[in-house]
Amino acid sequence: MGILEEAHNVRVFGEKSPEKQTVVLAHGFGTDQSVWKYLVPHLTADYRVILYDNMGAGPTNPEYFDFDRYSSLDGYAYDLLAILESQMVNSCIFVGHSVSAAIGVIASISRPELFTKIVMLAASPRYLNDGDYYGGFEEDDLAQIFSAMTSNFKSWVNGFAPLVVGGDMKSDVVQEFSRTLFNIQPDIAITVAKTIFQSDLRQLLKLVTVPCHILQSTKDLAVPVAVSEYLHRNLSGLSIVEVMGSDGHLPQLSSPDIVIPVLLKHIVHDITVSKS
């Protein structure tokens, strides 16, 4: 295993072969590749599956985290492209949760041939409200989040985790999300949160040529349903939206019975009709 693979804890299930497509699974903020634990067993028989941790996630070495590089989502996109190159991926189905959907979008603009489709779960091009655009957060909301993270990270996690998951602290999924959040070094978590919440990819959507499958929970504190509709309207290529009867921003963990079949459907089936 090379330095890149070790740094990102790259795991590969299945050999590279002409018969098997490659599926790349990428996690969102506060989690790590374990967020896909219910999906992976359904894929390994038919696909080559690649998992990795975004730099700064709990299982990664904090010494590798470059605060300048990861002040922009571009740094994560460069990492993704480097991982695809290291694994000799010529094309893949990319499944990105939350911020990783945005990372996949950025990577696909520079190297569209590497992506046959992007499956976006709980994705947002911008979290801040802006005029007619409703991202779900005001500047004051973000200021409070960053202040709470800085002043008492443990207390912030205990309040943030149940809100994002959509359950109480006794919930197994909330406890799991709390665990992966606590695994992140606090100064890194704050930097990553600022990079994500202050990002704005809206002008990039018109440059995306890869088909995009947009999957969204009915109730998600971090990403309103209106955002999935915005993505669908503004992506220049083929796109499709499916709003699922699930709650929370980590529905692949909190509602696997609902979400895993939907993910599998969109991984297997391509978009066959143009947008109206």
Protein backbone atom coordinates (compact mmCIF):
# COMPACT_ATOMS: atom_id res chain seq x y z
CA MET A 1 0.00 0.00 0.00
CA GLY A 2 1.35 3.42 -0.98
CA ILE A 3 1.38 6.62 1.04
CA LEU A 4 -1.78 7.92 -0.66
CA GLU A 5 -3.73 4.74 0.05
CA GLU A 6 -2.49 4.65 3.62
CA ALA A 7 -3.31 8.32 4.23
CA HIS A 8 -6.89 7.90 3.05
CA ASN A 9 -7.39 4.35 4.37
CA VAL A 10 -8.31 3.18 0.88
CA ARG A 11 -10.06 -0.18 0.83
CA VAL A 12 -10.89 -2.09 -2.34
CA PHE A 13 -13.30 -5.01 -2.65
CA GLY A 14 -12.97 -7.03 -5.84
CA GLU A 15 -10.41 -7.17 -8.62
CA LYS A 16 -10.27 -4.76 -11.54
CA SER A 17 -11.83 -6.50 -14.54
CA PRO A 18 -13.67 -5.58 -17.77
CA GLU A 19 -16.77 -7.35 -16.47
CA LYS A 20 -17.12 -5.31 -13.30
CA GLN A 21 -17.84 -1.60 -13.02
CA THR A 22 -16.15 0.28 -10.21
CA VAL A 23 -18.26 1.97 -7.54
CA VAL A 24 -16.53 4.60 -5.41
CA LEU A 25 -18.17 5.45 -2.07
CA ALA A 26 -17.32 8.78 -0.42
CA HIS A 27 -18.59 9.97 2.97
CA GLY A 28 -19.76 13.32 4.31
CA PHE A 29 -18.65 15.64 7.12
CA GLY A 30 -18.26 14.13 10.55
CA THR A 31 -18.36 10.55 9.32
CA ASP A 32 -15.93 8.13 7.72
CA GLN A 33 -16.22 5.22 5.30
CA SER A 34 -18.09 3.17 7.92
CA VAL A 35 -21.18 5.19 6.99
CA TRP A 36 -21.54 2.80 4.01
CA LYS A 37 -21.58 -0.39 6.08
CA TYR A 38 -25.16 -1.30 5.08
CA LEU A 39 -24.58 -0.66 1.36
CA VAL A 40 -21.24 -2.38 0.75
CA PRO A 41 -22.47 -6.00 1.19
CA HIS A 42 -25.01 -5.45 -1.60
CA LEU A 43 -22.34 -4.33 -4.07
CA THR A 44 -19.31 -6.57 -3.72
CA ALA A 45 -20.67 -9.49 -5.76
CA ASP A 46 -21.30 -7.39 -8.87
CA TYR A 47 -18.95 -4.42 -8.60
CA ARG A 48 -15.41 -3.49 -7.71
CA VAL A 49 -15.95 -1.24 -4.67
CA ILE A 50 -13.54 1.45 -3.48
CA LEU A 51 -13.92 3.19 -0.12
CA TYR A 52 -11.73 5.90 1.37
CA ASP A 53 -11.69 8.51 4.12
CA ASN A 54 -11.58 12.21 3.31
CA MET A 55 -8.54 13.85 4.85
CA GLY A 56 -9.39 15.13 8.32
CA ALA A 57 -11.84 12.33 9.09
CA GLY A 58 -11.22 10.57 12.38
CA PRO A 59 -9.35 7.52 11.06
CA THR A 60 -6.90 9.68 9.06
CA ASN A 61 -3.62 10.91 10.50
CA PRO A 62 -4.09 14.56 11.55
CA GLU A 63 -0.44 15.21 10.67
CA TYR A 64 -1.40 14.83 7.00
CA PHE A 65 -4.08 17.52 7.20
CA ASP A 66 -2.97 20.66 5.35
CA PHE A 67 -5.06 23.59 6.61
CA ASP A 68 -4.38 25.63 3.47
CA ARG A 69 -5.11 22.80 1.03
CA TYR A 70 -8.43 21.98 2.67
CA SER A 71 -9.62 25.55 2.99
CA SER A 72 -11.27 24.82 -0.38
CA LEU A 73 -13.20 21.80 -1.64
CA ASP A 74 -10.74 21.71 -4.53
CA GLY A 75 -8.20 20.07 -2.22
CA TYR A 76 -10.56 17.16 -1.64
CA ALA A 77 -11.31 16.90 -5.36
CA TYR A 78 -7.58 16.63 -6.10
CA ASP A 79 -7.38 13.84 -3.51
CA LEU A 80 -10.25 11.98 -5.18
CA LEU A 81 -8.64 12.21 -8.62
CA ALA A 82 -5.33 11.01 -7.16
CA ILE A 83 -7.05 8.02 -5.56
CA LEU A 84 -8.77 7.12 -8.84
CA GLU A 85 -5.42 7.30 -10.61
CA SER A 86 -3.69 5.19 -7.99
CA GLN A 87 -6.37 2.51 -8.32
CA MET A 88 -6.22 2.66 -12.14
CA VAL A 89 -9.89 3.64 -12.40
CA ASN A 90 -10.80 4.51 -15.99
CA SER A 91 -14.45 5.17 -15.16
CA CYS A 92 -16.59 4.76 -12.07
CA ILE A 93 -20.00 5.20 -10.55
CA PHE A 94 -19.33 7.76 -7.84
CA VAL A 95 -21.62 7.77 -4.80
CA GLY A 96 -21.07 10.91 -2.74
CA HIS A 97 -22.77 11.64 0.56
CA SER A 98 -23.23 15.29 1.57
CA VAL A 99 -20.06 17.29 0.85
CA SER A 100 -18.55 14.40 -1.09
CA ALA A 101 -21.25 14.84 -3.72
CA ALA A 102 -19.92 18.37 -4.23
CA ILE A 103 -16.36 17.01 -4.29
CA GLY A 104 -17.39 14.55 -7.00
CA VAL A 105 -18.96 17.37 -9.01
CA ILE A 106 -15.73 19.40 -8.90
CA ALA A 107 -13.61 16.39 -9.88
CA SER A 108 -15.96 15.49 -12.73
CA ILE A 109 -15.66 18.92 -14.32
CA SER A 110 -11.92 18.48 -14.86
CA ARG A 111 -12.05 14.73 -15.64
CA PRO A 112 -15.58 13.86 -16.85
CA GLU A 113 -14.41 10.66 -18.55
CA LEU A 114 -13.66 9.14 -15.13
CA PHE A 115 -17.32 9.27 -14.04
CA THR A 116 -20.18 7.39 -15.68
CA LYS A 117 -22.58 8.91 -13.15
CA ILE A 118 -22.66 10.70 -9.80
CA VAL A 119 -25.16 9.49 -7.23
CA MET A 120 -25.68 12.37 -4.81
CA LEU A 121 -27.07 11.66 -1.34
CA ALA A 122 -28.06 14.71 0.72
CA ALA A 123 -26.09 17.06 -1.52
CA SER A 124 -26.01 20.86 -1.52
CA PRO A 125 -24.22 23.40 -3.73
CA ARG A 126 -24.58 26.10 -1.06
CA TYR A 127 -25.78 25.98 2.55
CA LEU A 128 -26.31 29.71 3.03
CA ASN A 129 -29.53 31.41 1.95
CA ASP A 130 -28.95 33.96 -0.79
CA GLY A 131 -31.82 36.03 -2.17
CA ASP A 132 -34.29 33.63 -3.75
CA TYR A 133 -31.98 30.70 -3.07
CA TYR A 134 -32.88 28.72 0.04
CA GLY A 135 -29.95 26.71 1.37
CA GLY A 136 -31.30 26.41 4.90
CA PHE A 137 -28.85 28.56 6.88
CA GLU A 138 -28.31 32.26 7.63
CA GLU A 139 -24.93 33.80 8.42
CA ASP A 140 -25.92 34.01 12.10
CA ASP A 141 -26.66 30.28 12.14
CA LEU A 142 -23.17 29.49 10.89
CA ALA A 143 -21.57 31.95 13.30
CA GLN A 144 -23.30 30.18 16.18
CA ILE A 145 -22.17 26.76 14.92
CA PHE A 146 -18.53 27.85 14.59
CA SER A 147 -18.60 29.59 17.97
CA ALA A 148 -20.06 26.53 19.69
CA MET A 149 -17.49 24.23 18.06
CA THR A 150 -14.67 26.51 19.20
CA SER A 151 -15.82 27.09 22.76
CA ASN A 152 -16.83 23.53 23.72
CA PHE A 153 -16.45 20.87 21.03
CA LYS A 154 -17.86 18.05 23.16
CA SER A 155 -20.98 20.01 24.05
CA TRP A 156 -21.42 20.99 20.39
CA VAL A 157 -21.22 17.36 19.25
CA ASN A 158 -23.80 16.32 21.83
CA GLY A 159 -26.21 18.91 20.46
CA PHE A 160 -25.34 18.67 16.76
CA ALA A 161 -25.44 14.88 16.32
CA PRO A 162 -29.12 14.31 17.23
CA LEU A 163 -30.22 17.32 15.18
CA VAL A 164 -28.43 16.10 12.06
CA VAL A 165 -29.42 12.46 12.41
CA GLY A 166 -32.97 13.25 13.48
CA GLY A 167 -33.06 11.28 16.73
CA ASP A 168 -32.25 11.52 20.42
CA MET A 169 -28.89 10.86 22.07
CA LYS A 170 -29.96 7.30 22.96
CA SER A 171 -30.32 6.40 19.30
CA ASP A 172 -27.67 3.98 18.04
CA VAL A 173 -27.18 6.09 14.91
CA VAL A 174 -26.77 9.30 16.93
CA GLN A 175 -24.21 7.57 19.12
CA GLU A 176 -22.40 6.30 16.02
CA PHE A 177 -22.32 9.79 14.48
CA SER A 178 -21.17 11.24 17.79
CA ARG A 179 -18.35 8.71 17.86
CA THR A 180 -17.08 9.61 14.38
CA LEU A 181 -17.38 13.33 15.17
CA PHE A 182 -15.40 12.94 18.41
CA ASN A 183 -12.71 11.08 16.44
CA ILE A 184 -11.94 14.28 14.52
CA GLN A 185 -9.38 16.65 15.97
CA PRO A 186 -11.43 19.74 16.99
CA ASP A 187 -9.36 22.34 15.11
CA ILE A 188 -9.59 20.18 11.98
CA ALA A 189 -13.34 19.73 12.43
CA ILE A 190 -13.83 23.50 12.66
CA THR A 191 -11.73 24.12 9.56
CA VAL A 192 -13.60 21.46 7.56
CA ALA A 193 -16.98 22.76 8.73
CA LYS A 194 -16.08 26.30 7.63
CA THR A 195 -14.88 25.07 4.23
CA ILE A 196 -18.11 23.16 3.68
CA PHE A 197 -20.67 25.60 5.05
CA GLN A 198 -19.10 28.60 3.31
CA SER A 199 -18.75 26.89 -0.08
CA ASP A 200 -20.77 27.92 -3.12
CA LEU A 201 -20.79 25.64 -6.16
CA ARG A 202 -23.84 27.08 -7.87
CA GLN A 203 -21.89 28.54 -10.79
CA LEU A 204 -20.18 25.20 -11.40
CA LEU A 205 -23.38 23.25 -11.95
CA LYS A 206 -23.65 24.42 -15.57
CA LEU A 207 -20.24 22.86 -16.25
CA VAL A 208 -21.24 19.36 -15.13
CA THR A 209 -21.74 16.95 -18.04
CA VAL A 210 -21.90 13.69 -16.05
CA PRO A 211 -25.41 12.29 -15.32
CA CYS A 212 -26.43 13.04 -11.72
CA HIS A 213 -28.85 11.06 -9.56
CA ILE A 214 -30.02 13.32 -6.71
CA LEU A 215 -31.35 11.48 -3.63
CA GLN A 216 -32.84 13.43 -0.77
CA SER A 217 -34.59 12.74 2.54
CA THR A 218 -38.03 14.24 3.08
CA LYS A 219 -36.74 15.86 6.26
CA ASP A 220 -33.08 16.86 6.48
CA LEU A 221 -31.97 19.65 8.81
CA ALA A 222 -28.83 20.33 6.77
CA VAL A 223 -30.31 20.16 3.26
CA PRO A 224 -33.91 21.22 2.52
CA VAL A 225 -35.81 19.40 -0.23
CA ALA A 226 -35.78 22.65 -2.22
CA VAL A 227 -32.02 22.23 -2.67
CA SER A 228 -32.44 18.92 -4.50
CA GLU A 229 -34.91 20.60 -6.83
CA TYR A 230 -32.44 23.46 -7.39
CA LEU A 231 -29.71 20.98 -8.31
CA HIS A 232 -32.01 19.27 -10.80
CA ARG A 233 -32.95 22.55 -12.47
CA ASN A 234 -29.41 23.91 -12.70
CA LEU A 235 -27.23 20.93 -13.57
CA SER A 236 -26.55 21.21 -17.29
CA GLY A 237 -26.46 17.48 -18.03
CA LEU A 238 -28.91 14.68 -17.36
CA SER A 239 -30.25 14.56 -13.81
CA ILE A 240 -33.02 12.93 -11.84
CA VAL A 241 -34.36 13.55 -8.32
CA GLU A 242 -35.83 11.05 -5.89
CA VAL A 243 -37.11 12.28 -2.53
CA MET A 244 -37.18 9.39 -0.09
CA GLY A 245 -39.44 8.88 2.90
CA SER A 246 -36.50 9.08 5.29
CA ASP A 247 -35.47 11.60 7.93
CA GLY A 248 -32.10 13.08 8.71
CA HIS A 249 -28.83 13.83 6.95
CA LEU A 250 -27.40 10.30 7.34
CA PRO A 251 -30.33 8.26 6.02
CA GLN A 252 -28.12 5.40 4.83
CA LEU A 253 -27.52 4.73 8.55
CA SER A 254 -30.78 5.87 10.12
CA SER A 255 -33.19 4.45 7.50
CA PRO A 256 -31.28 1.71 5.64
CA ASP A 257 -34.44 -0.25 4.79
CA ILE A 258 -35.68 2.76 2.82
CA VAL A 259 -32.44 4.18 1.49
CA ILE A 260 -30.28 1.19 0.52
CA PRO A 261 -32.78 -0.12 -2.10
CA VAL A 262 -33.00 3.40 -3.58
CA LEU A 263 -29.22 3.73 -3.72
CA LEU A 264 -28.93 0.34 -5.39
CA LYS A 265 -31.58 1.24 -7.94
CA HIS A 266 -29.75 4.40 -8.94
CA ILE A 267 -26.36 2.69 -9.01
CA VAL A 268 -27.70 -0.03 -11.33
CA HIS A 269 -30.02 1.97 -13.59
CA ASP A 270 -29.02 4.90 -15.78
CA ILE A 271 -31.10 7.97 -16.59
CA THR A 272 -32.91 7.19 -19.83
CA VAL A 273 -34.93 10.34 -20.43
CA SER A 274 -33.87 13.94 -20.86
CA LYS A 275 -34.87 16.67 -18.45
CA SER A 276 -38.00 18.54 -19.41
